[in-house]
C-alpha atoms as a PDB file:
ATOM      1  CA  MET A   1     -21.824  39.007   5.273  1.00  0.00           C
ATOM      2  CA  GLY A   2     -21.407  37.052   8.473  1.00  0.00           C
ATOM      3  CA  LYS A   3     -18.983  37.082  11.319  1.00  0.00           C
ATOM      4  CA  LYS A   4     -15.409  35.864  10.830  1.00  0.00           C
ATOM      5  CA  ILE A   5     -13.994  33.868  13.752  1.00  0.00           C
ATOM      6  CA  VAL A   6     -10.621  32.360  14.583  1.00  0.00           C
ATOM      7  CA  PHE A   7     -10.398  29.909  17.470  1.00  0.00           C
ATOM      8  CA  LEU A   8      -6.960  29.633  19.034  1.00  0.00           C
ATOM      9  CA  ASP A   9      -5.548  27.030  21.339  1.00  0.00           C
ATOM     10  CA  ARG A  10      -3.526  28.788  24.028  1.00  0.00           C
ATOM     11  CA  ASP A  11      -0.493  26.758  25.105  1.00  0.00           C
ATOM     12  CA  GLY A  12       2.016  26.346  22.273  1.00  0.00           C
ATOM     13  CA  VAL A  13       0.158  28.830  20.053  1.00  0.00           C
ATOM     14  CA  ILE A  14      -0.028  31.996  22.156  1.00  0.00           C
ATOM     15  CA  ASN A  15       2.413  31.205  24.941  1.00  0.00           C
ATOM     16  CA  LYS A  16       5.496  29.089  25.354  1.00  0.00           C
ATOM     17  CA  LEU A  17       5.304  25.632  26.821  1.00  0.00           C
ATOM     18  CA  VAL A  18       7.423  24.868  29.894  1.00  0.00           C
ATOM     19  CA  LYS A  19       9.596  21.850  30.567  1.00  0.00           C
ATOM     20  CA  ARG A  20       8.350  19.690  33.419  1.00  0.00           C
ATOM     21  CA  ASP A  21       9.220  16.064  34.113  1.00  0.00           C
ATOM     22  CA  GLY A  22      11.089  15.871  30.780  1.00  0.00           C
ATOM     23  CA  ARG A  23       8.063  17.023  28.737  1.00  0.00           C
ATOM     24  CA  MET A  24       6.925  20.311  27.255  1.00  0.00           C
ATOM     25  CA  VAL A  25       3.628  21.220  28.946  1.00  0.00           C
ATOM     26  CA  SER A  26       1.338  24.102  29.892  1.00  0.00           C
ATOM     27  CA  PRO A  27       2.540  26.545  32.539  1.00  0.00           C
ATOM     28  CA  ARG A  28       0.878  26.244  35.930  1.00  0.00           C
ATOM     29  CA  ARG A  29       2.203  29.502  37.372  1.00  0.00           C
ATOM     30  CA  PHE A  30       1.830  33.022  36.018  1.00  0.00           C
ATOM     31  CA  ALA A  31       5.569  33.499  36.593  1.00  0.00           C
ATOM     32  CA  ASP A  32       6.168  30.837  33.903  1.00  0.00           C
ATOM     33  CA  PHE A  33       3.699  32.334  31.414  1.00  0.00           C
ATOM     34  CA  GLU A  34       5.564  33.836  28.447  1.00  0.00           C
ATOM     35  CA  LEU A  35       4.083  34.945  25.136  1.00  0.00           C
ATOM     36  CA  LEU A  36       5.551  33.579  21.927  1.00  0.00           C
ATOM     37  CA  PRO A  37       7.158  36.063  19.512  1.00  0.00           C
ATOM     38  CA  ASN A  38       4.849  37.963  17.122  1.00  0.00           C
ATOM     39  CA  VAL A  39       1.647  36.800  18.823  1.00  0.00           C
ATOM     40  CA  GLU A  40       0.524  40.333  19.612  1.00  0.00           C
ATOM     41  CA  SER A  41       1.022  41.529  16.029  1.00  0.00           C
ATOM     42  CA  ALA A  42      -0.757  38.448  14.616  1.00  0.00           C
ATOM     43  CA  ILE A  43      -3.775  39.066  16.830  1.00  0.00           C
ATOM     44  CA  LYS A  44      -3.801  42.761  15.891  1.00  0.00           C
ATOM     45  CA  LEU A  45      -3.771  41.777  12.210  1.00  0.00           C
ATOM     46  CA  LEU A  46      -6.763  39.479  12.689  1.00  0.00           C
ATOM     47  CA  ARG A  47      -8.668  42.222  14.516  1.00  0.00           C
ATOM     48  CA  LYS A  48      -7.773  44.764  11.815  1.00  0.00           C
ATOM     49  CA  ASN A  49      -9.374  42.380   9.303  1.00  0.00           C
ATOM     50  CA  ASN A  50     -12.534  42.073  11.417  1.00  0.00           C
ATOM     51  CA  TYR A  51     -11.957  38.607  12.848  1.00  0.00           C
ATOM     52  CA  GLU A  52     -13.325  37.723  16.228  1.00  0.00           C
ATOM     53  CA  ILE A  53     -10.712  35.836  18.239  1.00  0.00           C
ATOM     54  CA  VAL A  54     -11.714  33.166  20.743  1.00  0.00           C
ATOM     55  CA  VAL A  55      -9.255  31.127  22.783  1.00  0.00           C
ATOM     56  CA  VAL A  56     -10.360  27.554  23.540  1.00  0.00           C
ATOM     57  CA  THR A  57      -8.076  25.851  26.017  1.00  0.00           C
ATOM     58  CA  ASN A  58      -7.930  22.700  28.117  1.00  0.00           C
ATOM     59  CA  GLN A  59      -6.599  23.425  31.608  1.00  0.00           C
ATOM     60  CA  PRO A  60      -6.958  20.095  33.436  1.00  0.00           C
ATOM     61  CA  ASP A  61      -4.474  21.084  36.146  1.00  0.00           C
ATOM     62  CA  ILE A  62      -7.341  23.096  37.675  1.00  0.00           C
ATOM     63  CA  SER A  63      -9.453  19.990  38.392  1.00  0.00           C
ATOM     64  CA  ARG A  64      -6.345  18.016  39.340  1.00  0.00           C
ATOM     65  CA  GLY A  65      -5.554  20.573  42.039  1.00  0.00           C
ATOM     66  CA  LEU A  66      -2.164  21.344  40.477  1.00  0.00           C
ATOM     67  CA  MET A  67      -2.967  24.912  39.419  1.00  0.00           C
ATOM     68  CA  GLU A  68      -4.654  27.696  41.326  1.00  0.00           C
ATOM     69  CA  ILE A  69      -7.507  29.463  39.544  1.00  0.00           C
ATOM     70  CA  GLN A  70      -5.875  32.827  40.375  1.00  0.00           C
ATOM     71  CA  GLN A  71      -2.848  31.822  38.286  1.00  0.00           C
ATOM     72  CA  LEU A  72      -5.100  30.998  35.328  1.00  0.00           C
ATOM     73  CA  GLU A  73      -6.989  34.285  35.745  1.00  0.00           C
ATOM     74  CA  GLN A  74      -3.707  36.239  35.600  1.00  0.00           C
ATOM     75  CA  MET A  75      -2.737  34.431  32.393  1.00  0.00           C
ATOM     76  CA  ASN A  76      -6.202  35.106  30.942  1.00  0.00           C
ATOM     77  CA  ARG A  77      -5.869  38.844  31.645  1.00  0.00           C
ATOM     78  CA  VAL A  78      -2.642  38.945  29.604  1.00  0.00           C
ATOM     79  CA  VAL A  79      -4.303  37.099  26.701  1.00  0.00           C
ATOM     80  CA  LEU A  80      -7.380  39.333  26.762  1.00  0.00           C
ATOM     81  CA  ALA A  81      -5.143  42.428  26.766  1.00  0.00           C
ATOM     82  CA  LEU A  82      -3.769  41.260  23.396  1.00  0.00           C
ATOM     83  CA  GLY A  83      -7.178  41.872  21.836  1.00  0.00           C
ATOM     84  CA  VAL A  84      -8.666  38.403  22.209  1.00  0.00           C
ATOM     85  CA  GLY A  85     -12.440  38.718  22.495  1.00  0.00           C
ATOM     86  CA  SER A  86     -13.174  35.700  24.642  1.00  0.00           C
ATOM     87  CA  ILE A  87     -11.498  32.798  26.430  1.00  0.00           C
ATOM     88  CA  LYS A  88     -13.297  29.498  26.888  1.00  0.00           C
ATOM     89  CA  VAL A  89     -11.655  27.143  29.377  1.00  0.00           C
ATOM     90  CA  CYS A  90     -12.252  23.476  30.031  1.00  0.00           C
ATOM     91  CA  PRO A  91     -10.944  22.892  33.576  1.00  0.00           C
ATOM     92  CA  HIS A  92     -11.653  19.161  33.461  1.00  0.00           C
ATOM     93  CA  SER A  93      -9.402  16.141  33.195  1.00  0.00           C
ATOM     94  CA  ASP A  94      -9.928  13.236  30.782  1.00  0.00           C
ATOM     95  CA  ILE A  95     -11.530  11.154  33.546  1.00  0.00           C
ATOM     96  CA  ASP A  96     -14.297  13.765  33.974  1.00  0.00           C
ATOM     97  CA  ASN A  97     -15.666  12.815  30.521  1.00  0.00           C
ATOM     98  CA  CYS A  98     -17.081  16.294  29.933  1.00  0.00           C
ATOM     99  CA  LEU A  99     -18.285  17.655  26.602  1.00  0.00           C
ATOM    100  CA  CYS A 100     -15.966  20.681  26.625  1.00  0.00           C
ATOM    101  CA  ARG A 101     -12.561  18.973  26.810  1.00  0.00           C
ATOM    102  CA  LYS A 102     -10.831  18.893  23.434  1.00  0.00           C
ATOM    103  CA  PRO A 103     -10.813  16.714  21.315  1.00  0.00           C
ATOM    104  CA  LYS A 104     -14.566  17.044  21.884  1.00  0.00           C
ATOM    105  CA  PRO A 105     -15.838  20.183  20.141  1.00  0.00           C
ATOM    106  CA  GLY A 106     -17.995  21.472  23.013  1.00  0.00           C
ATOM    107  CA  LEU A 107     -16.126  24.745  23.603  1.00  0.00           C
ATOM    108  CA  ILE A 108     -16.249  25.620  19.900  1.00  0.00           C
ATOM    109  CA  ILE A 109     -19.837  24.546  19.257  1.00  0.00           C
ATOM    110  CA  ASP A 110     -21.175  26.231  22.398  1.00  0.00           C
ATOM    111  CA  TYR A 111     -19.502  29.466  21.372  1.00  0.00           C
ATOM    112  CA  LEU A 112     -20.834  29.298  17.811  1.00  0.00           C
ATOM    113  CA  LYS A 113     -24.357  28.662  19.161  1.00  0.00           C
ATOM    114  CA  SER A 114     -24.049  31.680  21.462  1.00  0.00           C
ATOM    115  CA  VAL A 115     -23.162  34.079  18.654  1.00  0.00           C
ATOM    116  CA  SER A 116     -26.251  35.963  17.530  1.00  0.00           C
ATOM    117  CA  GLU A 117     -24.783  36.754  14.121  1.00  0.00           C
ATOM    118  CA  ILE A 118     -24.269  34.027  11.535  1.00  0.00           C
ATOM    119  CA  TYR A 119     -20.599  33.353  10.887  1.00  0.00           C
ATOM    120  CA  CYS A 120     -19.302  33.216   7.338  1.00  0.00           C
ATOM    121  CA  CYS A 121     -15.992  31.620   8.115  1.00  0.00           C
ATOM    122  CA  ALA A 122     -14.295  30.061  11.091  1.00  0.00           C
ATOM    123  CA  TRP A 123     -10.832  28.587  11.596  1.00  0.00           C
ATOM    124  CA  MET A 124      -9.069  26.761  14.407  1.00  0.00           C
ATOM    125  CA  ILE A 125      -5.347  27.129  15.069  1.00  0.00           C
ATOM    126  CA  GLY A 126      -3.681  24.660  17.434  1.00  0.00           C
ATOM    127  CA  ASP A 127      -0.588  22.597  17.986  1.00  0.00           C
ATOM    128  CA  GLU A 128      -1.897  19.190  19.037  1.00  0.00           C
ATOM    129  CA  ASP A 129      -3.899  16.301  17.646  1.00  0.00           C
ATOM    130  CA  ARG A 130      -6.714  17.048  20.114  1.00  0.00           C
ATOM    131  CA  ASP A 131      -7.017  20.572  18.661  1.00  0.00           C
ATOM    132  CA  GLU A 132      -7.242  19.185  15.150  1.00  0.00           C
ATOM    133  CA  GLU A 133      -9.812  16.609  16.151  1.00  0.00           C
ATOM    134  CA  ALA A 134     -11.949  19.222  17.971  1.00  0.00           C
ATOM    135  CA  SER A 135     -11.805  21.412  14.873  1.00  0.00           C
ATOM    136  CA  ARG A 136     -12.796  18.530  12.598  1.00  0.00           C
ATOM    137  CA  ASN A 137     -15.613  17.548  14.994  1.00  0.00           C
ATOM    138  CA  ALA A 138     -16.889  21.149  14.886  1.00  0.00           C
ATOM    139  CA  GLY A 139     -16.679  21.208  11.087  1.00  0.00           C
ATOM    140  CA  ILE A 140     -14.174  24.022  10.740  1.00  0.00           C
ATOM    141  CA  PRO A 141     -10.767  24.092   9.003  1.00  0.00           C
ATOM    142  CA  PHE A 142      -7.646  23.625  11.090  1.00  0.00           C
ATOM    143  CA  ILE A 143      -4.112  24.995  10.930  1.00  0.00           C
ATOM    144  CA  ARG A 144      -1.455  23.198  12.960  1.00  0.00           C
ATOM    145  CA  ILE A 145       1.402  25.137  14.490  1.00  0.00           C
ATOM    146  CA  LEU A 146       4.412  22.862  14.200  1.00  0.00           C
ATOM    147  CA  ARG A 147       6.573  22.633  17.285  1.00  0.00           C
ATOM    148  CA  ASP A 148      10.352  22.856  17.180  1.00  0.00           C
ATOM    149  CA  ARG A 149      11.834  20.066  15.093  1.00  0.00           C
ATOM    150  CA  GLU A 150       8.379  18.631  14.336  1.00  0.00           C
ATOM    151  CA  LYS A 151       8.063  17.338  10.802  1.00  0.00           C
ATOM    152  CA  MET A 152       5.257  18.222   8.450  1.00  0.00           C
ATOM    153  CA  LEU A 153       2.325  15.896   9.053  1.00  0.00           C
ATOM    154  CA  GLU A 154       0.611  14.177   6.155  1.00  0.00           C
ATOM    155  CA  THR A 155      -2.674  14.110   8.027  1.00  0.00           C
ATOM    156  CA  THR A 156      -2.901  17.882   8.562  1.00  0.00           C
ATOM    157  CA  LEU A 157      -4.017  19.894   5.548  1.00  0.00           C
ATOM    158  CA  HIS A 158      -2.707  23.303   6.676  1.00  0.00           C
ATOM    159  CA  GLN A 159       0.461  23.809   8.719  1.00  0.00           C
ATOM    160  CA  ALA A 160       2.445  26.821   9.902  1.00  0.00           C
ATOM    161  CA  THR A 161       5.572  27.451  11.933  1.00  0.00           C
ATOM    162  CA  ASN A 162       3.946  30.139  14.113  1.00  0.00           C
ATOM    163  CA  LEU A 163       0.772  32.137  14.649  1.00  0.00           C
ATOM    164  CA  SER A 164       1.829  34.935  12.278  1.00  0.00           C
ATOM    165  CA  GLU A 165       2.251  32.475   9.412  1.00  0.00           C
ATOM    166  CA  ALA A 166      -1.118  30.882  10.184  1.00  0.00           C
ATOM    167  CA  VAL A 167      -2.840  34.284  10.223  1.00  0.00           C
ATOM    168  CA  THR A 168      -1.261  35.222   6.886  1.00  0.00           C
ATOM    169  CA  PHE A 169      -2.589  31.964   5.424  1.00  0.00           C
ATOM    170  CA  ILE A 170      -6.120  32.676   6.704  1.00  0.00           C
ATOM    171  CA  LEU A 171      -6.107  36.214   5.365  1.00  0.00           C
ATOM    172  CA  GLU A 172      -4.924  35.049   1.943  1.00  0.00           C
ATOM    173  CA  LYS A 173      -7.581  32.310   1.825  1.00  0.00           C
ATOM    174  CA  ASN A 174     -10.366  34.676   2.846  1.00  0.00           C
ATOM    175  CA  GLU A 175      -9.278  37.882   1.134  1.00  0.00           C
ATOM    176  CA  ASN A 176     -12.577  38.206  -0.740  1.00  0.00           C
ATOM    177  CA  ILE A 177     -14.809  37.774   2.292  1.00  0.00           C
END
């Protein structure tokens, strides 16, 4: 039996988005970083069922000079304290054309290559098209967390209203593993 892994996007899956310039976006300051309801219990449930949890997140405000690395590090400490095993961050902007910025699958593939144990199942949970595309490009199933008032999408196979619902779906799908 191999390793079971769940990749999580951070913003909109683990923590609330913030309103800036009329849009819902990632927080830039630790003071604005707020966990979504039931995230801690969902992560505990994954860990109880022997899933490794890896956060893969784009944080382009770092390279744009709009976010201090210390702010990101404070946010990361909160996420790690939930029981997340690892956080992989792409600090680049689209113009950097790196291999790690989602929708490219670099963060996911690099992590899977670094794992010494073969994995038997992997999932990606995110809330944006770029998360879904990164998941598809890495060859792993995707669950989309629907945002407030977002309609079900025909293009996404698995959808959930929050992380707890997504975790329940994964556990039901993989109950015999």
